[in-house]
Amino acid sequence: MNANVNANAMPGVEPREPAYAWGQRVIALDDLVNDGSHPERAVDALLAARGSVGEIVNIGHASDLNEPVYLVEFDGCVVGCLEIELVPAPHGLLPETEDGL
């Protein structure tokens, strides 16, 4: 988990622990489109298609939602995702890499 929790977090409410870990492979449950927050792509551009496999490269926290936010790399494009947008990729779906991911 990212140790840098937003200072604006709700007082007395502990940040929710992430369900997924750095380096974990996940699958996009729906088409992920640019809401305007990805500066290198047009608004409404497809960032990752439903069923795309990606790897979690960082984990943050959305204090207003009290939810983890995952930065997931899908084929070279890093996308911010919530847990409801992802599902863990089953072991063996893709060939294992040398580093064990």
PDB file of N, CA and C in Angstrom:
ATOM      1  N   MET A   1       0.839  -1.183   0.000  1.00  0.00           N
ATOM      2  CA  MET A   1       0.000   0.000   0.000  1.00  0.00           C
ATOM      3  C   MET A   1       0.876   1.236   0.000  1.00  0.00           C
ATOM      4  N   ASN A   2       0.460   2.259  -0.677  1.00  0.00           N
ATOM      5  CA  ASN A   2       1.190   3.514  -0.709  1.00  0.00           C
ATOM      6  C   ASN A   2       1.095   4.155   0.671  1.00  0.00           C
ATOM      7  N   ALA A   3       2.226   4.442   1.267  1.00  0.00           N
ATOM      8  CA  ALA A   3       2.245   5.013   2.615  1.00  0.00           C
ATOM      9  C   ALA A   3       1.827   6.467   2.639  1.00  0.00           C
ATOM     10  N   ASN A   4       1.771   7.107   1.494  1.00  0.00           N
ATOM     11  CA  ASN A   4       1.407   8.518   1.424  1.00  0.00           C
ATOM     12  C   ASN A   4      -0.101   8.672   1.329  1.00  0.00           C
ATOM     13  N   VAL A   5      -0.772   8.659   2.458  1.00  0.00           N
ATOM     14  CA  VAL A   5      -2.215   8.818   2.487  1.00  0.00           C
ATOM     15  C   VAL A   5      -2.535  10.298   2.496  1.00  0.00           C
ATOM     16  N   ASN A   6      -3.528  10.691   1.735  1.00  0.00           N
ATOM     17  CA  ASN A   6      -3.913  12.092   1.613  1.00  0.00           C
ATOM     18  C   ASN A   6      -4.231  12.687   2.980  1.00  0.00           C
ATOM     19  N   ALA A   7      -3.692  13.867   3.242  1.00  0.00           N
ATOM     20  CA  ALA A   7      -3.924  14.547   4.517  1.00  0.00           C
ATOM     21  C   ALA A   7      -5.388  14.954   4.686  1.00  0.00           C
ATOM     22  N   ASN A   8      -6.163  14.987   3.604  1.00  0.00           N
ATOM     23  CA  ASN A   8      -7.569  15.353   3.673  1.00  0.00           C
ATOM     24  C   ASN A   8      -8.478  14.159   3.948  1.00  0.00           C
ATOM     25  N   ALA A   9      -7.891  13.036   4.340  1.00  0.00           N
ATOM     26  CA  ALA A   9      -8.690  11.844   4.624  1.00  0.00           C
ATOM     27  C   ALA A   9      -9.684  12.155   5.734  1.00  0.00           C
ATOM     28  N   MET A  10     -10.778  11.412   5.723  1.00  0.00           N
ATOM     29  CA  MET A  10     -11.813  11.637   6.727  1.00  0.00           C
ATOM     30  C   MET A  10     -11.262  11.343   8.117  1.00  0.00           C
ATOM     31  N   PRO A  11     -11.404  12.288   9.071  1.00  0.00           N
ATOM     32  CA  PRO A  11     -10.869  12.076  10.408  1.00  0.00           C
ATOM     33  C   PRO A  11     -11.534  10.869  11.078  1.00  0.00           C
ATOM     34  N   GLY A  12     -10.705  10.050  11.718  1.00  0.00           N
ATOM     35  CA  GLY A  12     -11.220   8.896  12.436  1.00  0.00           C
ATOM     36  C   GLY A  12     -11.552   7.702  11.552  1.00  0.00           C
ATOM     37  N   VAL A  13     -11.375   7.829  10.239  1.00  0.00           N
ATOM     38  CA  VAL A  13     -11.662   6.726   9.327  1.00  0.00           C
ATOM     39  C   VAL A  13     -10.348   6.246   8.736  1.00  0.00           C
ATOM     40  N   GLU A  14     -10.026   4.982   8.993  1.00  0.00           N
ATOM     41  CA  GLU A  14      -8.802   4.399   8.463  1.00  0.00           C
ATOM     42  C   GLU A  14      -8.947   4.154   6.967  1.00  0.00           C
ATOM     43  N   PRO A  15      -7.899   4.435   6.189  1.00  0.00           N
ATOM     44  CA  PRO A  15      -7.959   4.132   4.756  1.00  0.00           C
ATOM     45  C   PRO A  15      -8.181   2.634   4.542  1.00  0.00           C
ATOM     46  N   ARG A  16      -9.040   2.300   3.580  1.00  0.00           N
ATOM     47  CA  ARG A  16      -9.332   0.907   3.281  1.00  0.00           C
ATOM     48  C   ARG A  16      -8.126   0.258   2.620  1.00  0.00           C
ATOM     49  N   GLU A  17      -7.783  -0.924   3.072  1.00  0.00           N
ATOM     50  CA  GLU A  17      -6.646  -1.650   2.522  1.00  0.00           C
ATOM     51  C   GLU A  17      -6.947  -2.112   1.096  1.00  0.00           C
ATOM     52  N   PRO A  18      -5.947  -2.073   0.222  1.00  0.00           N
ATOM     53  CA  PRO A  18      -6.157  -2.531  -1.156  1.00  0.00           C
ATOM     54  C   PRO A  18      -6.323  -4.049  -1.218  1.00  0.00           C
ATOM     55  N   ALA A  19      -7.139  -4.507  -2.151  1.00  0.00           N
ATOM     56  CA  ALA A  19      -7.350  -5.937  -2.362  1.00  0.00           C
ATOM     57  C   ALA A  19      -6.263  -6.529  -3.252  1.00  0.00           C
ATOM     58  N   TYR A  20      -5.625  -5.677  -4.072  1.00  0.00           N
ATOM     59  CA  TYR A  20      -4.617  -6.138  -5.022  1.00  0.00           C
ATOM     60  C   TYR A  20      -3.259  -5.574  -4.640  1.00  0.00           C
ATOM     61  N   ALA A  21      -2.195  -6.188  -5.178  1.00  0.00           N
ATOM     62  CA  ALA A  21      -0.823  -5.800  -4.819  1.00  0.00           C
ATOM     63  C   ALA A  21      -0.046  -5.318  -6.032  1.00  0.00           C
ATOM     64  N   TRP A  22       1.030  -4.568  -5.766  1.00  0.00           N
ATOM     65  CA  TRP A  22       1.939  -4.142  -6.836  1.00  0.00           C
ATOM     66  C   TRP A  22       2.414  -5.379  -7.582  1.00  0.00           C
ATOM     67  N   GLY A  23       2.492  -5.274  -8.898  1.00  0.00           N
ATOM     68  CA  GLY A  23       2.988  -6.369  -9.710  1.00  0.00           C
ATOM     69  C   GLY A  23       1.940  -7.414 -10.055  1.00  0.00           C
ATOM     70  N   GLN A  24       0.777  -7.332  -9.427  1.00  0.00           N
ATOM     71  CA  GLN A  24      -0.277  -8.310  -9.694  1.00  0.00           C
ATOM     72  C   GLN A  24      -0.906  -8.053 -11.058  1.00  0.00           C
ATOM     73  N   ARG A  25      -1.206  -9.118 -11.762  1.00  0.00           N
ATOM     74  CA  ARG A  25      -1.893  -9.007 -13.044  1.00  0.00           C
ATOM     75  C   ARG A  25      -3.392  -8.971 -12.799  1.00  0.00           C
ATOM     76  N   VAL A  26      -4.045  -8.068 -13.514  1.00  0.00           N
ATOM     77  CA  VAL A  26      -5.495  -7.893 -13.386  1.00  0.00           C
ATOM     78  C   VAL A  26      -6.113  -7.775 -14.767  1.00  0.00           C
ATOM     79  N   ILE A  27      -7.431  -7.936 -14.822  1.00  0.00           N
ATOM     80  CA  ILE A  27      -8.177  -7.848 -16.073  1.00  0.00           C
ATOM     81  C   ILE A  27      -9.198  -6.726 -15.943  1.00  0.00           C
ATOM     82  N   ALA A  28      -9.316  -5.913 -17.000  1.00  0.00           N
ATOM     83  CA  ALA A  28     -10.318  -4.842 -17.035  1.00  0.00           C
ATOM     84  C   ALA A  28     -11.697  -5.464 -17.231  1.00  0.00           C
ATOM     85  N   LEU A  29     -12.637  -5.118 -16.358  1.00  0.00           N
ATOM     86  CA  LEU A  29     -13.995  -5.662 -16.445  1.00  0.00           C
ATOM     87  C   LEU A  29     -14.854  -4.952 -17.483  1.00  0.00           C
ATOM     88  N   ASP A  30     -14.513  -3.724 -17.814  1.00  0.00           N
ATOM     89  CA  ASP A  30     -15.245  -2.933 -18.811  1.00  0.00           C
ATOM     90  C   ASP A  30     -14.230  -2.176 -19.655  1.00  0.00           C
ATOM     91  N   ASP A  31     -14.694  -1.594 -20.754  1.00  0.00           N
ATOM     92  CA  ASP A  31     -13.841  -0.693 -21.516  1.00  0.00           C
ATOM     93  C   ASP A  31     -13.468   0.482 -20.612  1.00  0.00           C
ATOM     94  N   LEU A  32     -12.192   0.812 -20.570  1.00  0.00           N
ATOM     95  CA  LEU A  32     -11.719   1.953 -19.778  1.00  0.00           C
ATOM     96  C   LEU A  32     -11.423   3.086 -20.746  1.00  0.00           C
ATOM     97  N   VAL A  33     -12.185   4.173 -20.619  1.00  0.00           N
ATOM     98  CA  VAL A  33     -12.048   5.305 -21.531  1.00  0.00           C
ATOM     99  C   VAL A  33     -11.512   6.522 -20.777  1.00  0.00           C
ATOM    100  N   ASN A  34     -10.885   7.402 -21.514  1.00  0.00           N
ATOM    101  CA  ASN A  34     -10.296   8.605 -20.927  1.00  0.00           C
ATOM    102  C   ASN A  34     -11.396   9.585 -20.520  1.00  0.00           C
ATOM    103  N   ASP A  35     -11.424   9.896 -19.237  1.00  0.00           N
ATOM    104  CA  ASP A  35     -12.380  10.875 -18.717  1.00  0.00           C
ATOM    105  C   ASP A  35     -11.817  12.292 -18.758  1.00  0.00           C
ATOM    106  N   GLY A  36     -10.661  12.422 -19.399  1.00  0.00           N
ATOM    107  CA  GLY A  36      -9.993  13.715 -19.473  1.00  0.00           C
ATOM    108  C   GLY A  36      -8.766  13.779 -18.596  1.00  0.00           C
ATOM    109  N   SER A  37      -8.562  12.772 -17.761  1.00  0.00           N
ATOM    110  CA  SER A  37      -7.433  12.796 -16.837  1.00  0.00           C
ATOM    111  C   SER A  37      -6.145  12.231 -17.439  1.00  0.00           C
ATOM    112  N   HIS A  38      -6.224  11.611 -18.594  1.00  0.00           N
ATOM    113  CA  HIS A  38      -5.029  11.088 -19.262  1.00  0.00           C
ATOM    114  C   HIS A  38      -4.620  12.094 -20.339  1.00  0.00           C
ATOM    115  N   PRO A  39      -3.567  12.874 -20.076  1.00  0.00           N
ATOM    116  CA  PRO A  39      -3.233  13.999 -20.960  1.00  0.00           C
ATOM    117  C   PRO A  39      -2.765  13.613 -22.360  1.00  0.00           C
ATOM    118  N   GLU A  40      -2.297  12.386 -22.544  1.00  0.00           N
ATOM    119  CA  GLU A  40      -1.750  11.995 -23.841  1.00  0.00           C
ATOM    120  C   GLU A  40      -2.789  11.391 -24.778  1.00  0.00           C
ATOM    121  N   ARG A  41      -4.020  11.269 -24.320  1.00  0.00           N
ATOM    122  CA  ARG A  41      -5.079  10.671 -25.133  1.00  0.00           C
ATOM    123  C   ARG A  41      -6.277  11.609 -25.192  1.00  0.00           C
ATOM    124  N   ALA A  42      -7.041  11.512 -26.261  1.00  0.00           N
ATOM    125  CA  ALA A  42      -8.245  12.338 -26.416  1.00  0.00           C
ATOM    126  C   ALA A  42      -9.305  11.925 -25.394  1.00  0.00           C
ATOM    127  N   VAL A  43     -10.127  12.886 -24.999  1.00  0.00           N
ATOM    128  CA  VAL A  43     -11.249  12.580 -24.105  1.00  0.00           C
ATOM    129  C   VAL A  43     -12.123  11.540 -24.803  1.00  0.00           C
ATOM    130  N   ASP A  44     -12.580  10.562 -24.053  1.00  0.00           N
ATOM    131  CA  ASP A  44     -13.396   9.440 -24.521  1.00  0.00           C
ATOM    132  C   ASP A  44     -12.621   8.412 -25.351  1.00  0.00           C
ATOM    133  N   ALA A  45     -11.298   8.552 -25.467  1.00  0.00           N
ATOM    134  CA  ALA A  45     -10.494   7.555 -26.169  1.00  0.00           C
ATOM    135  C   ALA A  45     -10.426   6.278 -25.343  1.00  0.00           C
ATOM    136  N   LEU A  46     -10.420   5.149 -26.006  1.00  0.00           N
ATOM    137  CA  LEU A  46     -10.297   3.860 -25.333  1.00  0.00           C
ATOM    138  C   LEU A  46      -8.873   3.694 -24.829  1.00  0.00           C
ATOM    139  N   LEU A  47      -8.729   3.494 -23.517  1.00  0.00           N
ATOM    140  CA  LEU A  47      -7.411   3.297 -22.911  1.00  0.00           C
ATOM    141  C   LEU A  47      -7.093   1.812 -22.762  1.00  0.00           C
ATOM    142  N   ALA A  48      -8.105   1.021 -22.429  1.00  0.00           N
ATOM    143  CA  ALA A  48      -7.955  -0.432 -22.307  1.00  0.00           C
ATOM    144  C   ALA A  48      -9.326  -1.052 -22.564  1.00  0.00           C
ATOM    145  N   ALA A  49      -9.356  -2.029 -23.448  1.00  0.00           N
ATOM    146  CA  ALA A  49     -10.613  -2.700 -23.778  1.00  0.00           C
ATOM    147  C   ALA A  49     -10.986  -3.706 -22.697  1.00  0.00           C
ATOM    148  N   ARG A  50     -12.268  -3.959 -22.576  1.00  0.00           N
ATOM    149  CA  ARG A  50     -12.766  -4.983 -21.658  1.00  0.00           C
ATOM    150  C   ARG A  50     -12.018  -6.284 -21.942  1.00  0.00           C
ATOM    151  N   GLY A  51     -11.528  -6.922 -20.885  1.00  0.00           N
ATOM    152  CA  GLY A  51     -10.787  -8.173 -21.028  1.00  0.00           C
ATOM    153  C   GLY A  51      -9.292  -7.995 -21.163  1.00  0.00           C
ATOM    154  N   SER A  52      -8.828  -6.748 -21.273  1.00  0.00           N
ATOM    155  CA  SER A  52      -7.384  -6.501 -21.365  1.00  0.00           C
ATOM    156  C   SER A  52      -6.707  -6.881 -20.057  1.00  0.00           C
ATOM    157  N   VAL A  53      -5.529  -7.474 -20.182  1.00  0.00           N
ATOM    158  CA  VAL A  53      -4.737  -7.844 -19.010  1.00  0.00           C
ATOM    159  C   VAL A  53      -3.694  -6.767 -18.778  1.00  0.00           C
ATOM    160  N   GLY A  54      -3.595  -6.324 -17.534  1.00  0.00           N
ATOM    161  CA  GLY A  54      -2.612  -5.319 -17.163  1.00  0.00           C
ATOM    162  C   GLY A  54      -1.897  -5.710 -15.892  1.00  0.00           C
ATOM    163  N   GLU A  55      -0.938  -4.881 -15.511  1.00  0.00           N
ATOM    164  CA  GLU A  55      -0.164  -5.118 -14.291  1.00  0.00           C
ATOM    165  C   GLU A  55      -0.217  -3.877 -13.413  1.00  0.00           C
ATOM    166  N   ILE A  56      -0.473  -4.074 -12.136  1.00  0.00           N
ATOM    167  CA  ILE A  56      -0.519  -2.956 -11.189  1.00  0.00           C
ATOM    168  C   ILE A  56       0.905  -2.449 -10.976  1.00  0.00           C
ATOM    169  N   VAL A  57       1.104  -1.143 -11.246  1.00  0.00           N
ATOM    170  CA  VAL A  57       2.435  -0.549 -11.124  1.00  0.00           C
ATOM    171  C   VAL A  57       2.535   0.430  -9.958  1.00  0.00           C
ATOM    172  N   ASN A  58       1.395   0.764  -9.343  1.00  0.00           N
ATOM    173  CA  ASN A  58       1.400   1.637  -8.163  1.00  0.00           C
ATOM    174  C   ASN A  58       0.021   1.595  -7.533  1.00  0.00           C
ATOM    175  N   ILE A  59      -0.031   1.921  -6.257  1.00  0.00           N
ATOM    176  CA  ILE A  59      -1.302   1.952  -5.529  1.00  0.00           C
ATOM    177  C   ILE A  59      -1.352   3.239  -4.723  1.00  0.00           C
ATOM    178  N   GLY A  60      -2.450   3.970  -4.876  1.00  0.00           N
ATOM    179  CA  GLY A  60      -2.682   5.189  -4.104  1.00  0.00           C
ATOM    180  C   GLY A  60      -3.987   5.067  -3.342  1.00  0.00           C
ATOM    181  N   HIS A  61      -4.542   6.197  -2.957  1.00  0.00           N
ATOM    182  CA  HIS A  61      -5.766   6.191  -2.179  1.00  0.00           C
ATOM    183  C   HIS A  61      -6.599   7.419  -2.524  1.00  0.00           C
ATOM    184  N   ALA A  62      -7.872   7.205  -2.831  1.00  0.00           N
ATOM    185  CA  ALA A  62      -8.814   8.310  -3.061  1.00  0.00           C
ATOM    186  C   ALA A  62      -9.504   8.581  -1.737  1.00  0.00           C
ATOM    187  N   SER A  63      -9.090   9.651  -1.064  1.00  0.00           N
ATOM    188  CA  SER A  63      -9.608   9.920   0.278  1.00  0.00           C
ATOM    189  C   SER A  63     -11.095  10.232   0.274  1.00  0.00           C
ATOM    190  N   ASP A  64     -11.597  10.889  -0.782  1.00  0.00           N
ATOM    191  CA  ASP A  64     -13.018  11.229  -0.813  1.00  0.00           C
ATOM    192  C   ASP A  64     -13.897   9.982  -0.942  1.00  0.00           C
ATOM    193  N   LEU A  65     -13.362   8.913  -1.509  1.00  0.00           N
ATOM    194  CA  LEU A  65     -14.099   7.651  -1.650  1.00  0.00           C
ATOM    195  C   LEU A  65     -13.686   6.626  -0.598  1.00  0.00           C
ATOM    196  N   ASN A  66     -12.582   6.890   0.095  1.00  0.00           N
ATOM    197  CA  ASN A  66     -11.949   5.943   1.009  1.00  0.00           C
ATOM    198  C   ASN A  66     -11.728   4.606   0.299  1.00  0.00           C
ATOM    199  N   GLU A  67     -11.119   4.690  -0.891  1.00  0.00           N
ATOM    200  CA  GLU A  67     -10.845   3.513  -1.700  1.00  0.00           C
ATOM    201  C   GLU A  67      -9.437   3.561  -2.260  1.00  0.00           C
ATOM    202  N   PRO A  68      -8.835   2.387  -2.419  1.00  0.00           N
ATOM    203  CA  PRO A  68      -7.555   2.340  -3.123  1.00  0.00           C
ATOM    204  C   PRO A  68      -7.759   2.695  -4.594  1.00  0.00           C
ATOM    205  N   VAL A  69      -6.752   3.320  -5.180  1.00  0.00           N
ATOM    206  CA  VAL A  69      -6.727   3.604  -6.609  1.00  0.00           C
ATOM    207  C   VAL A  69      -5.481   2.926  -7.158  1.00  0.00           C
ATOM    208  N   TYR A  70      -5.675   2.146  -8.196  1.00  0.00           N
ATOM    209  CA  TYR A  70      -4.587   1.376  -8.778  1.00  0.00           C
ATOM    210  C   TYR A  70      -4.139   2.017 -10.085  1.00  0.00           C
ATOM    211  N   LEU A  71      -2.833   2.159 -10.265  1.00  0.00           N
ATOM    212  CA  LEU A  71      -2.290   2.526 -11.560  1.00  0.00           C
ATOM    213  C   LEU A  71      -1.927   1.212 -12.232  1.00  0.00           C
ATOM    214  N   VAL A  72      -2.614   0.946 -13.342  1.00  0.00           N
ATOM    215  CA  VAL A  72      -2.457  -0.326 -14.038  1.00  0.00           C
ATOM    216  C   VAL A  72      -1.904  -0.056 -15.433  1.00  0.00           C
ATOM    217  N   GLU A  73      -0.840  -0.766 -15.790  1.00  0.00           N
ATOM    218  CA  GLU A  73      -0.279  -0.634 -17.131  1.00  0.00           C
ATOM    219  C   GLU A  73      -0.914  -1.675 -18.040  1.00  0.00           C
ATOM    220  N   PHE A  74      -1.637  -1.173 -19.036  1.00  0.00           N
ATOM    221  CA  PHE A  74      -2.245  -2.006 -20.058  1.00  0.00           C
ATOM    222  C   PHE A  74      -1.509  -1.716 -21.360  1.00  0.00           C
ATOM    223  N   ASP A  75      -0.688  -2.629 -21.820  1.00  0.00           N
ATOM    224  CA  ASP A  75      -0.004  -2.501 -23.103  1.00  0.00           C
ATOM    225  C   ASP A  75       0.639  -1.125 -23.295  1.00  0.00           C
ATOM    226  N   GLY A  76       1.389  -0.670 -22.280  1.00  0.00           N
ATOM    227  CA  GLY A  76       2.115   0.592 -22.366  1.00  0.00           C
ATOM    228  C   GLY A  76       1.344   1.827 -21.939  1.00  0.00           C
ATOM    229  N   CYS A  77       0.051   1.697 -21.678  1.00  0.00           N
ATOM    230  CA  CYS A  77      -0.774   2.828 -21.240  1.00  0.00           C
ATOM    231  C   CYS A  77      -1.122   2.639 -19.765  1.00  0.00           C
ATOM    232  N   VAL A  78      -0.724   3.587 -18.929  1.00  0.00           N
ATOM    233  CA  VAL A  78      -1.013   3.507 -17.496  1.00  0.00           C
ATOM    234  C   VAL A  78      -2.350   4.184 -17.220  1.00  0.00           C
ATOM    235  N   VAL A  79      -3.250   3.435 -16.561  1.00  0.00           N
ATOM    236  CA  VAL A  79      -4.619   3.881 -16.323  1.00  0.00           C
ATOM    237  C   VAL A  79      -4.920   3.799 -14.829  1.00  0.00           C
ATOM    238  N   GLY A  80      -5.555   4.839 -14.279  1.00  0.00           N
ATOM    239  CA  GLY A  80      -6.021   4.811 -12.905  1.00  0.00           C
ATOM    240  C   GLY A  80      -7.334   4.041 -12.825  1.00  0.00           C
ATOM    241  N   CYS A  81      -7.397   3.048 -11.924  1.00  0.00           N
ATOM    242  CA  CYS A  81      -8.577   2.183 -11.825  1.00  0.00           C
ATOM    243  C   CYS A  81      -8.997   1.999 -10.370  1.00  0.00           C
ATOM    244  N   LEU A  82     -10.287   1.796 -10.186  1.00  0.00           N
ATOM    245  CA  LEU A  82     -10.834   1.401  -8.895  1.00  0.00           C
ATOM    246  C   LEU A  82     -10.998  -0.115  -8.881  1.00  0.00           C
ATOM    247  N   GLU A  83     -11.145  -0.701  -7.689  1.00  0.00           N
ATOM    248  CA  GLU A  83     -11.295  -2.151  -7.581  1.00  0.00           C
ATOM    249  C   GLU A  83     -12.481  -2.681  -8.377  1.00  0.00           C
ATOM    250  N   ILE A  84     -13.572  -1.925  -8.444  1.00  0.00           N
ATOM    251  CA  ILE A  84     -14.762  -2.405  -9.145  1.00  0.00           C
ATOM    252  C   ILE A  84     -14.548  -2.510 -10.653  1.00  0.00           C
ATOM    253  N   GLU A  85     -13.446  -1.945 -11.151  1.00  0.00           N
ATOM    254  CA  GLU A  85     -13.146  -1.994 -12.576  1.00  0.00           C
ATOM    255  C   GLU A  85     -12.204  -3.141 -12.942  1.00  0.00           C
ATOM    256  N   LEU A  86     -11.751  -3.896 -11.927  1.00  0.00           N
ATOM    257  CA  LEU A  86     -10.728  -4.911 -12.132  1.00  0.00           C
ATOM    258  C   LEU A  86     -11.118  -6.242 -11.510  1.00  0.00           C
ATOM    259  N   VAL A  87     -10.486  -7.288 -12.014  1.00  0.00           N
ATOM    260  CA  VAL A  87     -10.585  -8.618 -11.419  1.00  0.00           C
ATOM    261  C   VAL A  87      -9.200  -9.244 -11.542  1.00  0.00           C
ATOM    262  N   PRO A  88      -8.781 -10.048 -10.557  1.00  0.00           N
ATOM    263  CA  PRO A  88      -7.453 -10.664 -10.664  1.00  0.00           C
ATOM    264  C   PRO A  88      -7.375 -11.596 -11.871  1.00  0.00           C
ATOM    265  N   ALA A  89      -6.238 -11.569 -12.561  1.00  0.00           N
ATOM    266  CA  ALA A  89      -6.018 -12.494 -13.679  1.00  0.00           C
ATOM    267  C   ALA A  89      -5.688 -13.866 -13.094  1.00  0.00           C
ATOM    268  N   PRO A  90      -6.312 -14.911 -13.618  1.00  0.00           N
ATOM    269  CA  PRO A  90      -6.009 -16.251 -13.106  1.00  0.00           C
ATOM    270  C   PRO A  90      -4.555 -16.632 -13.372  1.00  0.00           C
ATOM    271  N   HIS A  91      -3.963 -17.341 -12.431  1.00  0.00           N
ATOM    272  CA  HIS A  91      -2.592 -17.816 -12.591  1.00  0.00           C
ATOM    273  C   HIS A  91      -2.531 -18.695 -13.835  1.00  0.00           C
ATOM    274  N   GLY A  92      -1.521 -18.479 -14.657  1.00  0.00           N
ATOM    275  CA  GLY A  92      -1.345 -19.283 -15.851  1.00  0.00           C
ATOM    276  C   GLY A  92      -2.034 -18.722 -17.083  1.00  0.00           C
ATOM    277  N   LEU A  93      -2.761 -17.598 -16.931  1.00  0.00           N
ATOM    278  CA  LEU A  93      -3.429 -16.994 -18.079  1.00  0.00           C
ATOM    279  C   LEU A  93      -2.413 -16.590 -19.146  1.00  0.00           C
ATOM    280  N   LEU A  94      -1.319 -16.008 -18.702  1.00  0.00           N
ATOM    281  CA  LEU A  94      -0.233 -15.595 -19.598  1.00  0.00           C
ATOM    282  C   LEU A  94       1.036 -16.317 -19.153  1.00  0.00           C
ATOM    283  N   PRO A  95       1.985 -16.481 -20.051  1.00  0.00           N
ATOM    284  CA  PRO A  95       3.257 -17.096 -19.639  1.00  0.00           C
ATOM    285  C   PRO A  95       3.906 -16.285 -18.523  1.00  0.00           C
ATOM    286  N   GLU A  96       4.474 -16.961 -17.575  1.00  0.00           N
ATOM    287  CA  GLU A  96       5.166 -16.291 -16.468  1.00  0.00           C
ATOM    288  C   GLU A  96       6.425 -15.616 -16.996  1.00  0.00           C
ATOM    289  N   THR A  97       6.781 -14.470 -16.396  1.00  0.00           N
ATOM    290  CA  THR A  97       7.999 -13.765 -16.782  1.00  0.00           C
ATOM    291  C   THR A  97       9.152 -14.249 -15.921  1.00  0.00           C
ATOM    292  N   GLU A  98      10.361 -13.837 -16.273  1.00  0.00           N
ATOM    293  CA  GLU A  98      11.534 -14.258 -15.525  1.00  0.00           C
ATOM    294  C   GLU A  98      11.518 -13.801 -14.085  1.00  0.00           C
ATOM    295  N   ASP A  99      10.874 -12.646 -13.800  1.00  0.00           N
ATOM    296  CA  ASP A  99      10.858 -12.133 -12.432  1.00  0.00           C
ATOM    297  C   ASP A  99       9.716 -12.708 -11.609  1.00  0.00           C
ATOM    298  N   GLY A 100       8.977 -13.675 -12.150  1.00  0.00           N
ATOM    299  CA  GLY A 100       7.954 -14.367 -11.382  1.00  0.00           C
ATOM    300  C   GLY A 100       6.588 -13.747 -11.399  1.00  0.00           C
ATOM    301  N   LEU A 101       6.362 -12.673 -12.162  1.00  0.00           N
ATOM    302  CA  LEU A 101       5.052 -12.038 -12.210  1.00  0.00           C
ATOM    303  C   LEU A 101       4.131 -12.790 -13.137  1.00  0.00           C
TER     304      LEU A 101
END
